[in-house]
C-alpha atoms as a PDB file:
ATOM      1  CA  UNK A   1     -17.257 -16.153 -32.337  1.00  0.00           C
ATOM      2  CA  UNK A   2     -13.801 -17.304 -33.037  1.00  0.00           C
ATOM      3  CA  UNK A   3     -10.770 -16.825 -30.193  1.00  0.00           C
ATOM      4  CA  UNK A   4      -7.413 -16.010 -31.774  1.00  0.00           C
ATOM      5  CA  UNK A   5      -6.257 -19.383 -30.065  1.00  0.00           C
ATOM      6  CA  UNK A   6      -8.711 -21.133 -32.290  1.00  0.00           C
ATOM      7  CA  UNK A   7      -7.515 -19.884 -35.776  1.00  0.00           C
ATOM      8  CA  UNK A   8      -4.162 -21.556 -34.519  1.00  0.00           C
ATOM      9  CA  UNK A   9      -3.337 -24.936 -35.907  1.00  0.00           C
ATOM     10  CA  UNK A  10      -3.417 -26.887 -34.230  1.00  0.00           C
ATOM     11  CA  UNK A  11      -5.597 -24.740 -31.954  1.00  0.00           C
ATOM     12  CA  UNK A  12      -3.879 -24.273 -28.295  1.00  0.00           C
ATOM     13  CA  UNK A  13      -6.067 -23.412 -25.542  1.00  0.00           C
ATOM     14  CA  UNK A  14      -5.836 -20.358 -23.407  1.00  0.00           C
ATOM     15  CA  UNK A  15      -2.898 -21.030 -20.712  1.00  0.00           C
ATOM     16  CA  UNK A  16      -3.423 -21.104 -16.888  1.00  0.00           C
ATOM     17  CA  UNK A  17       0.249 -20.557 -15.704  1.00  0.00           C
ATOM     18  CA  UNK A  18       0.720 -20.811 -12.809  1.00  0.00           C
ATOM     19  CA  UNK A  19      -1.623 -23.453 -11.519  1.00  0.00           C
ATOM     20  CA  UNK A  20      -3.091 -22.684  -7.938  1.00  0.00           C
ATOM     21  CA  UNK A  21      -3.429 -26.142  -5.927  1.00  0.00           C
ATOM     22  CA  UNK A  22      -5.502 -26.090  -2.797  1.00  0.00           C
ATOM     23  CA  UNK A  23      -5.508 -28.926  -0.382  1.00  0.00           C
ATOM     24  CA  UNK A  24      -1.685 -28.898   1.089  1.00  0.00           C
ATOM     25  CA  UNK A  25       0.536 -31.491  -0.518  1.00  0.00           C
ATOM     26  CA  UNK A  26       4.331 -31.326  -0.252  1.00  0.00           C
ATOM     27  CA  UNK A  27       6.378 -30.114  -2.817  1.00  0.00           C
ATOM     28  CA  UNK A  28       8.050 -33.039  -3.959  1.00  0.00           C
ATOM     29  CA  UNK A  29       4.291 -34.343  -4.274  1.00  0.00           C
ATOM     30  CA  UNK A  30       3.687 -31.372  -6.153  1.00  0.00           C
ATOM     31  CA  UNK A  31       6.076 -31.603  -8.537  1.00  0.00           C
ATOM     32  CA  UNK A  32       5.773 -35.177  -9.454  1.00  0.00           C
ATOM     33  CA  UNK A  33       2.464 -35.325  -9.949  1.00  0.00           C
ATOM     34  CA  UNK A  34       2.452 -31.990 -12.311  1.00  0.00           C
ATOM     35  CA  UNK A  35       5.987 -33.318 -14.293  1.00  0.00           C
ATOM     36  CA  UNK A  36       3.350 -35.772 -15.668  1.00  0.00           C
ATOM     37  CA  UNK A  37       1.956 -32.796 -17.728  1.00  0.00           C
ATOM     38  CA  UNK A  38       4.969 -31.120 -18.817  1.00  0.00           C
ATOM     39  CA  UNK A  39       8.311 -29.346 -17.194  1.00  0.00           C
ATOM     40  CA  UNK A  40       7.551 -27.798 -13.997  1.00  0.00           C
ATOM     41  CA  UNK A  41      10.047 -24.979 -13.651  1.00  0.00           C
ATOM     42  CA  UNK A  42       8.469 -23.791 -10.269  1.00  0.00           C
ATOM     43  CA  UNK A  43       6.848 -24.956  -6.949  1.00  0.00           C
ATOM     44  CA  UNK A  44       5.966 -22.679  -4.737  1.00  0.00           C
ATOM     45  CA  UNK A  45       4.311 -23.567  -1.232  1.00  0.00           C
ATOM     46  CA  UNK A  46       4.016 -20.454   1.015  1.00  0.00           C
ATOM     47  CA  UNK A  47       5.120 -21.726   4.679  1.00  0.00           C
ATOM     48  CA  UNK A  48       2.046 -22.541   7.248  1.00  0.00           C
ATOM     49  CA  UNK A  49      -0.205 -22.154   3.924  1.00  0.00           C
ATOM     50  CA  UNK A  50      -2.527 -25.187   2.067  1.00  0.00           C
ATOM     51  CA  UNK A  51      -1.408 -23.982  -1.112  1.00  0.00           C
ATOM     52  CA  UNK A  52       0.665 -23.860  -4.142  1.00  0.00           C
ATOM     53  CA  UNK A  53       1.500 -22.125  -7.063  1.00  0.00           C
ATOM     54  CA  UNK A  54       3.017 -24.564 -10.063  1.00  0.00           C
ATOM     55  CA  UNK A  55       4.518 -23.270 -12.738  1.00  0.00           C
ATOM     56  CA  UNK A  56       5.786 -24.780 -15.986  1.00  0.00           C
ATOM     57  CA  UNK A  57       8.294 -24.077 -18.488  1.00  0.00           C
ATOM     58  CA  UNK A  58       5.533 -24.192 -21.503  1.00  0.00           C
ATOM     59  CA  UNK A  59       2.911 -22.154 -20.075  1.00  0.00           C
ATOM     60  CA  UNK A  60       0.218 -24.359 -22.394  1.00  0.00           C
ATOM     61  CA  UNK A  61       1.329 -27.413 -20.109  1.00  0.00           C
ATOM     62  CA  UNK A  62      -0.786 -25.868 -17.051  1.00  0.00           C
ATOM     63  CA  UNK A  63      -3.678 -26.133 -19.017  1.00  0.00           C
ATOM     64  CA  UNK A  64      -3.350 -29.738 -19.375  1.00  0.00           C
ATOM     65  CA  UNK A  65      -2.354 -29.967 -15.064  1.00  0.00           C
ATOM     66  CA  UNK A  66      -6.183 -29.190 -14.087  1.00  0.00           C
ATOM     67  CA  UNK A  67      -6.838 -32.519 -14.923  1.00  0.00           C
ATOM     68  CA  UNK A  68      -5.714 -33.315 -11.550  1.00  0.00           C
ATOM     69  CA  UNK A  69      -8.396 -31.707 -10.002  1.00  0.00           C
ATOM     70  CA  UNK A  70      -9.928 -33.591  -7.462  1.00  0.00           C
ATOM     71  CA  UNK A  71      -7.132 -36.177  -7.533  1.00  0.00           C
ATOM     72  CA  UNK A  72      -4.968 -36.981  -3.896  1.00  0.00           C
ATOM     73  CA  UNK A  73      -1.220 -36.020  -4.329  1.00  0.00           C
ATOM     74  CA  UNK A  74       0.711 -37.041  -1.258  1.00  0.00           C
ATOM     75  CA  UNK A  75      -2.032 -38.416   0.215  1.00  0.00           C
ATOM     76  CA  UNK A  76      -3.995 -35.368  -0.398  1.00  0.00           C
ATOM     77  CA  UNK A  77      -7.412 -34.224  -2.166  1.00  0.00           C
ATOM     78  CA  UNK A  78      -6.715 -31.179  -4.049  1.00  0.00           C
ATOM     79  CA  UNK A  79      -8.462 -28.716  -5.815  1.00  0.00           C
ATOM     80  CA  UNK A  80      -6.890 -27.376  -9.094  1.00  0.00           C
ATOM     81  CA  UNK A  81      -7.465 -24.089 -10.662  1.00  0.00           C
ATOM     82  CA  UNK A  82      -6.138 -21.364 -12.597  1.00  0.00           C
ATOM     83  CA  UNK A  83      -3.654 -19.440 -10.177  1.00  0.00           C
ATOM     84  CA  UNK A  84      -4.711 -16.173 -12.179  1.00  0.00           C
ATOM     85  CA  UNK A  85      -7.946 -16.335 -10.482  1.00  0.00           C
ATOM     86  CA  UNK A  86      -9.093 -14.529  -7.381  1.00  0.00           C
ATOM     87  CA  UNK A  87      -9.312 -17.017  -4.140  1.00  0.00           C
ATOM     88  CA  UNK A  88     -10.097 -16.374  -1.192  1.00  0.00           C
ATOM     89  CA  UNK A  89      -7.185 -18.290   0.752  1.00  0.00           C
ATOM     90  CA  UNK A  90      -4.395 -16.840  -1.386  1.00  0.00           C
ATOM     91  CA  UNK A  91      -6.056 -13.568  -1.159  1.00  0.00           C
ATOM     92  CA  UNK A  92      -6.243 -13.561   2.656  1.00  0.00           C
ATOM     93  CA  UNK A  93      -2.590 -14.896   2.814  1.00  0.00           C
ATOM     94  CA  UNK A  94      -1.682 -12.033   0.492  1.00  0.00           C
ATOM     95  CA  UNK A  95      -3.219  -9.208   2.825  1.00  0.00           C
ATOM     96  CA  UNK A  96      -1.403 -10.643   5.777  1.00  0.00           C
ATOM     97  CA  UNK A  97       2.294 -10.610   3.949  1.00  0.00           C
ATOM     98  CA  UNK A  98       0.943  -7.015   3.289  1.00  0.00           C
ATOM     99  CA  UNK A  99      -0.233  -6.034   6.661  1.00  0.00           C
ATOM    100  CA  UNK A 100       3.485  -7.791   8.268  1.00  0.00           C
ATOM    101  CA  UNK A 101       5.354  -5.455   5.459  1.00  0.00           C
ATOM    102  CA  UNK A 102       3.901  -2.381   6.664  1.00  0.00           C
ATOM    103  CA  UNK A 103       4.066  -3.124  10.040  1.00  0.00           C
ATOM    104  CA  UNK A 104       7.760  -3.703   9.653  1.00  0.00           C
ATOM    105  CA  UNK A 105       8.312  -0.477   7.868  1.00  0.00           C
ATOM    106  CA  UNK A 106       6.653   2.077  10.148  1.00  0.00           C
END
């Protein structure tokens, strides 16, 4: 079965923007490593966490950024995945943020 992306000339992959980078590296190192694949619009590293989200200006550049999976960035081995997919570390962080917010508005 052909996808709508396959019909484009040249074919474009499904975008993976933002990238989720697990393993803990600093913002500057992540930006430097990712800008080899395209213009980075934002790097978000939640305080105290060992993951980050990297957004590209061209959402299709994130697909190329998946090549960083298994490499070392800022002296740390990283795992790079689609930032829209479920991840237990990110989910735990989101729940903690939600719980802290709910406690603050009571």
